[in-house]
Protein backbone atom coordinates (compact mmCIF):
# COMPACT_ATOMS: atom_id res chain seq x y z
CA MET A 1 -15.38 35.67 -64.95
CA ALA A 2 -15.60 37.28 -61.53
CA VAL A 3 -16.99 34.15 -59.80
CA PRO A 4 -14.21 31.74 -60.91
CA ALA A 5 -11.61 34.33 -59.98
CA LEU A 6 -13.19 34.70 -56.53
CA ARG A 7 -13.21 30.93 -56.03
CA TYR A 8 -9.55 30.71 -57.05
CA THR A 9 -8.67 33.49 -54.63
CA ILE A 10 -10.52 31.75 -51.77
CA ARG A 11 -8.68 28.48 -52.53
CA LEU A 12 -5.36 30.30 -52.47
CA MET A 13 -6.23 31.88 -49.12
CA ALA A 14 -7.42 28.53 -47.68
CA ARG A 15 -4.19 26.65 -48.49
CA PRO A 16 -2.14 28.15 -45.61
CA ALA A 17 -5.02 27.49 -43.19
CA ARG A 18 -5.21 23.85 -44.31
CA ARG A 19 -1.43 23.49 -43.97
CA LYS A 20 -1.59 24.95 -40.46
CA LEU A 21 -4.45 22.58 -39.55
CA LYS A 22 -2.51 19.56 -40.83
CA THR A 23 0.59 20.68 -38.97
CA ALA A 24 -1.37 21.14 -35.75
CA MET A 25 -3.00 17.73 -36.24
CA TRP A 26 0.36 15.98 -36.71
CA VAL A 27 1.82 17.81 -33.72
CA ALA A 28 -1.14 16.70 -31.60
CA ILE A 29 -0.81 13.08 -32.81
CA THR A 30 2.95 13.11 -32.16
CA CYS A 31 2.45 14.51 -28.65
CA ALA A 32 -0.27 11.96 -27.91
CA LEU A 33 1.94 9.10 -29.11
CA LEU A 34 4.88 10.44 -27.10
CA LEU A 35 2.82 10.71 -23.91
CA THR A 36 1.41 7.22 -24.49
CA ALA A 37 4.92 5.84 -24.97
CA ILE A 38 6.10 7.51 -21.75
CA ALA A 39 3.07 6.19 -19.84
CA VAL A 40 3.58 2.67 -21.20
CA SER A 41 7.30 2.81 -20.35
CA SER A 42 6.48 3.95 -16.83
CA ARG A 43 3.95 1.14 -16.43
CA ILE A 44 6.45 -1.43 -17.73
CA TYR A 45 9.06 -0.12 -15.29
CA GLY A 46 6.58 -0.55 -12.43
CA LYS A 47 5.92 -4.12 -13.55
CA LEU A 48 9.60 -5.00 -13.96
CA TYR A 49 10.74 -3.34 -10.74
CA PRO A 50 7.85 -3.56 -8.24
CA LEU A 51 10.14 -3.66 -5.18
CA ALA A 52 12.72 -1.27 -3.80
CA HIS A 53 15.05 -1.87 -0.85
CA LEU A 54 16.31 1.15 1.08
CA VAL A 55 18.85 1.32 3.90
CA LEU A 56 18.98 4.68 5.68
CA GLU A 57 22.60 4.66 6.74
CA ASP A 58 22.33 7.56 9.20
CA ILE A 59 19.75 5.73 11.35
CA PRO A 60 20.99 3.20 13.91
CA GLN A 61 19.77 -0.39 14.00
CA GLY A 62 17.21 -1.43 16.63
CA THR A 63 17.98 -2.54 20.15
CA PRO A 64 19.61 -6.00 20.34
CA GLY A 65 18.79 -8.66 22.91
CA LYS A 66 15.03 -8.09 23.08
CA THR A 67 12.79 -11.03 23.97
CA MET A 68 9.61 -9.46 22.58
CA LEU A 69 8.80 -7.78 19.31
CA LYS A 70 6.31 -5.01 18.66
CA VAL A 71 4.78 -4.80 15.20
CA GLY A 72 2.28 -2.39 13.71
CA THR A 73 0.13 -1.72 10.67
CA TYR A 74 -1.20 1.59 9.40
CA ASN A 75 -3.12 2.53 6.26
CA ILE A 76 -2.05 6.17 5.91
CA ALA A 77 -4.54 6.99 3.09
CA HIS A 78 -2.00 8.70 0.84
CA SER A 79 -1.43 11.19 3.71
CA ARG A 80 -4.63 13.01 2.72
CA GLY A 81 -6.26 12.96 6.18
CA CYS A 82 -9.18 11.19 7.82
CA GLY A 83 -12.10 11.87 5.49
CA THR A 84 -13.24 8.81 3.52
CA ASP A 85 -14.75 11.00 0.79
CA VAL A 86 -11.68 13.24 0.42
CA SER A 87 -9.86 13.06 -2.91
CA ASN A 88 -6.14 12.34 -3.01
CA TRP A 89 -5.88 15.60 -4.94
CA THR A 90 -6.05 17.81 -1.87
CA GLY A 91 -4.05 20.60 -3.50
CA ARG A 92 -1.86 20.95 -0.42
CA THR A 93 1.55 22.54 -0.75
CA ARG A 94 4.71 20.50 -0.34
CA ARG A 95 5.23 22.10 3.07
CA LEU A 96 1.79 20.94 4.27
CA VAL A 97 2.29 17.42 2.89
CA ILE A 98 5.60 17.15 4.75
CA ALA A 99 3.98 18.49 7.93
CA HIS A 100 1.31 15.79 7.73
CA LEU A 101 3.88 13.07 7.07
CA ASN A 102 5.85 14.28 10.09
CA MET A 103 2.76 13.88 12.28
CA ILE A 104 2.25 10.34 10.99
CA ALA A 105 5.93 9.62 11.67
CA ALA A 106 5.64 11.02 15.19
CA GLN A 107 2.69 8.72 15.92
CA ILE A 108 4.56 5.69 14.57
CA LYS A 109 7.68 6.61 16.53
CA ALA A 110 5.64 6.98 19.73
CA SER A 111 4.17 3.50 19.17
CA ASP A 112 7.69 2.08 19.62
CA CYS A 113 7.09 -0.61 17.01
CA ASP A 114 10.05 -2.56 15.70
CA ILE A 115 8.37 -3.29 12.35
CA VAL A 116 5.52 -1.39 10.68
CA VAL A 117 3.59 -2.13 7.50
CA LEU A 118 2.18 0.92 5.71
CA ASN A 119 -0.70 0.74 3.22
CA GLU A 120 -1.66 3.40 0.68
CA VAL A 121 1.76 4.97 0.95
CA ASP A 122 2.94 7.19 -1.92
CA PHE A 123 6.38 6.75 -3.45
CA ASP A 124 6.27 9.26 -6.28
CA SER A 125 2.79 10.71 -6.83
CA THR A 126 1.89 14.15 -8.09
CA TRP A 127 -0.94 14.61 -5.56
CA SER A 128 1.54 14.26 -2.66
CA ARG A 129 4.15 16.49 -4.29
CA ARG A 130 6.20 13.49 -5.49
CA ILE A 131 7.57 12.81 -2.01
CA ASP A 132 8.66 9.27 -1.16
CA ALA A 133 6.40 9.06 1.90
CA ALA A 134 7.75 5.67 3.02
CA ALA A 135 11.35 6.89 3.09
CA HIS A 136 10.34 10.20 4.70
CA ILE A 137 8.36 8.50 7.48
CA ALA A 138 11.12 5.92 8.01
CA LYS A 139 13.75 8.60 8.46
CA ALA A 140 11.59 10.77 10.72
CA ALA A 141 10.43 7.80 12.85
CA GLY A 142 13.81 6.07 13.11
CA TYR A 143 13.56 3.02 10.85
CA ARG A 144 16.79 2.03 9.14
CA TYR A 145 15.40 -0.53 6.67
CA VAL A 146 12.60 -0.02 4.16
CA CYS A 147 11.00 -2.31 1.58
CA GLU A 148 8.70 -0.53 -0.89
CA GLN A 149 6.21 -2.46 -3.00
CA LYS A 150 4.33 -0.75 -5.84
CA ASN A 151 0.67 -1.52 -6.40
CA ALA A 152 0.30 1.28 -8.95
CA HIS A 153 3.02 2.93 -10.98
CA VAL A 154 2.30 5.00 -14.08
CA GLY A 155 3.15 8.50 -15.20
CA VAL A 156 3.67 11.09 -17.89
CA PRO A 157 5.47 14.47 -17.64
CA PHE A 158 4.00 16.57 -14.82
CA LEU A 159 1.63 13.77 -13.73
CA LYS A 160 2.67 10.61 -11.88
CA CYS A 161 0.99 7.99 -9.72
CA SER A 162 3.10 5.55 -7.69
CA PHE A 163 1.93 3.99 -4.44
CA GLY A 164 1.49 0.70 -2.61
CA ASN A 165 2.73 -1.00 0.55
CA ALA A 166 5.90 -0.53 2.58
CA ILE A 167 7.61 -2.42 5.36
CA LEU A 168 9.62 -0.29 7.80
CA SER A 169 11.99 -2.15 10.10
CA LYS A 170 14.58 -1.39 12.75
CA TYR A 171 16.24 -4.69 11.87
CA PRO A 172 17.67 -5.96 8.56
CA LEU A 173 15.27 -7.09 5.84
CA SER A 174 16.07 -9.67 3.19
CA HIS A 175 14.44 -11.98 0.64
CA GLU A 176 11.92 -9.33 -0.41
CA THR A 177 9.37 -10.95 -2.72
CA LEU A 178 6.25 -9.72 -4.48
CA ILE A 179 3.13 -11.86 -4.04
CA SER A 180 0.96 -11.26 -7.11
CA LEU A 181 -2.72 -11.35 -6.16
CA PRO A 182 -5.79 -11.79 -8.42
CA ALA A 183 -6.94 -8.64 -10.20
CA LEU A 184 -10.47 -7.30 -10.07
CA SER A 185 -10.08 -5.96 -13.60
CA ALA A 186 -7.56 -7.05 -16.22
CA VAL A 187 -7.84 -3.66 -17.94
CA GLU A 188 -7.27 -1.77 -14.68
CA ASN A 189 -4.26 -3.97 -13.93
CA LEU A 190 -2.83 -3.37 -17.40
CA LEU A 191 -3.25 0.40 -17.28
CA ALA A 192 -2.45 1.18 -13.64
CA GLY A 193 -1.95 -1.82 -11.37
CA LYS A 194 -3.70 -3.87 -8.69
CA HIS A 195 -3.53 -4.83 -5.04
CA ASP A 196 -0.55 -7.10 -4.39
CA ALA A 197 1.27 -8.22 -1.25
CA VAL A 198 4.92 -8.28 -0.22
CA THR A 199 6.89 -10.64 1.98
CA CYS A 200 10.38 -10.44 3.43
CA THR A 201 12.49 -11.84 6.24
CA ALA A 202 13.34 -9.63 9.21
CA ASP A 203 16.46 -10.52 11.20
CA THR A 204 15.16 -9.61 14.67
CA PRO A 205 16.50 -10.22 18.21
CA ILE A 206 13.96 -13.06 18.66
CA GLY A 207 15.08 -14.69 15.41
CA ASP A 208 14.11 -14.54 11.76
CA ILE A 209 10.51 -13.41 11.25
CA GLU A 210 8.56 -13.68 8.00
CA VAL A 211 6.75 -10.35 7.48
CA VAL A 212 3.86 -10.23 5.00
CA GLY A 213 2.48 -6.81 4.07
CA VAL A 214 -1.15 -7.12 2.98
CA HIS A 215 -3.66 -4.75 1.42
CA LEU A 216 -6.60 -6.58 -0.13
CA ASP A 217 -8.95 -4.95 -2.64
CA SER A 218 -11.81 -3.01 -1.06
CA ARG A 219 -14.42 -3.72 -3.74
CA ASP A 220 -15.11 -7.46 -3.84
CA GLU A 221 -14.95 -10.21 -1.20
CA ALA A 222 -14.39 -12.92 -3.82
CA ILE A 223 -11.24 -11.13 -4.97
CA ARG A 224 -10.14 -10.85 -1.34
CA VAL A 225 -10.74 -14.56 -0.76
CA GLY A 226 -8.71 -15.35 -3.87
CA GLY A 227 -5.98 -13.02 -2.68
CA MET A 228 -5.86 -14.64 0.74
CA ARG A 229 -5.63 -18.11 -0.75
CA THR A 230 -2.79 -16.89 -2.97
CA ILE A 231 -0.94 -15.49 0.04
CA LEU A 232 -1.39 -18.71 2.00
CA GLY A 233 -0.25 -20.74 -0.99
CA HIS A 234 2.91 -18.67 -1.40
CA ASP A 235 6.11 -20.58 -0.64
CA GLY A 236 7.03 -20.22 3.01
CA VAL A 237 3.81 -18.55 4.14
CA ALA A 238 1.30 -21.39 4.17
CA ALA A 239 3.84 -23.75 5.71
CA ALA A 240 5.01 -21.06 8.15
CA ARG A 241 8.59 -22.24 7.78
CA MET A 242 9.50 -19.59 10.36
CA PRO A 243 7.47 -17.40 12.75
CA THR A 244 5.23 -15.29 10.51
CA VAL A 245 3.22 -12.09 10.87
CA LEU A 246 0.68 -10.85 8.34
CA LEU A 247 -0.12 -7.17 8.72
CA GLY A 248 -2.27 -4.70 6.87
CA ASP A 249 -5.65 -3.56 5.64
CA PHE A 250 -7.53 -6.77 4.84
CA ASN A 251 -10.74 -4.88 3.91
CA SER A 252 -12.63 -7.78 5.45
CA THR A 253 -13.91 -8.81 8.87
CA PRO A 254 -14.06 -12.39 10.20
CA SER A 255 -17.18 -14.19 11.33
CA GLY A 256 -18.35 -13.02 14.74
CA THR A 257 -17.46 -9.36 14.12
CA PRO A 258 -19.57 -6.50 12.71
CA THR A 259 -20.41 -6.27 8.99
CA VAL A 260 -18.99 -9.61 7.84
CA PRO A 261 -18.81 -9.77 4.02
CA LYS A 262 -19.42 -13.09 2.25
CA THR A 263 -18.98 -14.34 -1.28
CA ALA A 264 -21.85 -15.99 -3.17
CA GLU A 265 -20.42 -19.30 -1.94
CA GLY A 266 -20.39 -18.09 1.66
CA ASP A 267 -16.61 -17.62 1.91
CA ASN A 268 -14.85 -14.87 3.83
CA ALA A 269 -11.21 -13.79 3.43
CA MET A 270 -10.42 -13.54 7.15
CA ASP A 271 -12.10 -16.89 7.86
CA VAL A 272 -9.94 -18.47 5.15
CA LEU A 273 -6.86 -17.21 7.00
CA LEU A 274 -7.90 -17.96 10.55
CA GLU A 275 -9.70 -21.29 10.30
CA GLY A 276 -7.22 -24.13 10.59
CA LYS A 277 -4.28 -22.56 8.78
CA GLY A 278 -2.00 -22.22 11.80
CA TYR A 279 -2.60 -18.51 12.34
CA HIS A 280 -4.39 -16.53 15.04
CA THR A 281 -5.11 -12.96 16.11
CA LEU A 282 -7.01 -11.00 18.74
CA LEU A 283 -10.45 -10.12 17.41
CA PRO A 284 -12.02 -6.73 18.21
CA GLN A 285 -13.86 -6.78 21.53
CA GLY A 286 -15.96 -3.71 20.85
CA PRO A 287 -16.00 -0.18 19.42
CA ALA A 288 -12.70 0.71 21.11
CA ASP A 289 -11.00 -1.81 18.80
CA TYR A 290 -12.62 -0.64 15.55
CA THR A 291 -10.19 0.77 12.99
CA PHE A 292 -12.40 2.17 10.21
CA SER A 293 -13.40 4.79 9.53
CA ALA A 294 -11.59 7.27 11.74
CA GLU A 295 -14.49 9.74 11.50
CA ALA A 296 -17.06 7.16 12.65
CA PRO A 297 -15.52 3.76 13.48
CA VAL A 298 -17.93 0.87 12.82
CA ARG A 299 -15.67 -2.13 12.12
CA THR A 300 -12.14 -3.49 12.20
CA ILE A 301 -10.50 -4.20 8.84
CA ASP A 302 -6.86 -3.63 9.85
CA TYR A 303 -5.34 -6.74 11.41
CA ILE A 304 -2.12 -8.29 12.65
CA VAL A 305 -2.26 -12.07 12.32
CA VAL A 306 0.57 -14.29 13.60
CA SER A 307 1.58 -17.92 13.18
CA ASP A 308 0.93 -20.26 16.08
CA ASP A 309 4.58 -20.29 17.16
CA LEU A 310 4.15 -16.66 18.22
CA ALA A 311 2.25 -15.63 21.36
CA ILE A 312 0.28 -12.38 21.39
CA LEU A 313 1.01 -10.38 24.53
CA GLU A 314 -0.85 -7.14 23.80
CA ARG A 315 -2.91 -5.42 21.10
CA GLN A 316 -3.42 -1.67 20.74
CA THR A 317 -5.66 0.45 18.56
CA ILE A 318 -3.99 3.85 18.18
CA ARG A 319 -6.67 6.42 17.43
CA SER A 320 -5.97 9.68 15.59
CA GLN A 321 -7.38 11.78 12.76
CA LEU A 322 -4.25 11.52 10.60
CA SER A 323 -5.86 8.92 8.28
CA ASP A 324 -9.25 7.35 7.68
CA HIS A 325 -7.85 4.23 9.41
CA PHE A 326 -6.52 3.80 12.93
CA MET A 327 -3.12 2.27 13.48
CA VAL A 328 -2.91 -1.17 15.12
CA ALA A 329 0.08 -2.39 17.16
CA MET A 330 0.77 -5.78 18.71
CA THR A 331 3.46 -7.15 21.01
CA VAL A 332 4.50 -10.74 20.28
CA ALA A 333 7.06 -13.26 21.52
CA LEU A 334 8.13 -16.75 20.63
CA ARG A 335 5.58 -19.01 22.26
CA GLN A 336 8.18 -21.40 23.69
CA GLN A 337 10.25 -18.61 25.25
CA HIS A 338 7.14 -16.88 26.59
CA ALA A 339 5.95 -20.13 28.20
CA GLU A 340 9.29 -20.46 29.94
């Protein structure tokens, strides 16, 4: 009789443990479902609202009456610094992140650009202490108008990732439009996002300018070629209905420059843009014009390309160790007015 009694006693003792295990399991499942729902909601929000328009009221508008325009592009590498192998999760305090952003803003302000496109700029990411870097830089550098475009936007409590491209302007921006580019991975796009482009109209002293912020995928030239063809096929860009500038990190180099990538069919993203499409740029003339990487520059992948109704007066490569890319600036003018 002792053995059955012992078994019964063990079963009685095990019941509370089993109940606790079931409770813990249901709590874990509920938490997992809740976090998944929050992440999905965040992703849907990023898909539904990929653009944000900011006007910093306490910053004056740019100088009127100018006959030339200076534009710039800068991949700021999530404000993590110049190392290409450095994780975004630097562990820096909020004070150090702000200090780094202030140095980036000081460089941009010193460039005296009227319009700047930023790549790899964080809007609300945990690794950069959830600071809207585009708005912070714009305020510190003196840009009244900001268009933010999300490439990635997903988050759960205590962990968020939101970044993409931004256009900073001293003159009013309007008609902001997302240009959806081909995805390298459908799953990656579904879960986090992909490289897209943004276009808007800037009301500048030399007239309306179409500004296209570009950051093509770094991993595959075929995807970049597809992205470039999409940009050129976008309403108002291919036809260049108004003077147009395309700025950003193209992650490609045109024929005749170092390390030219090609698709299996022999295509190249920069060649697609520059060959017979009504656009031109100043190609790098040597190492002094290389933009990547900042630690050991070997090629130029950051470009400013303009439509043929704009004349290029000057190009600058602004070298610093604030990012793994160098900033590029270019002074342009309407070709007809410049000829006069």
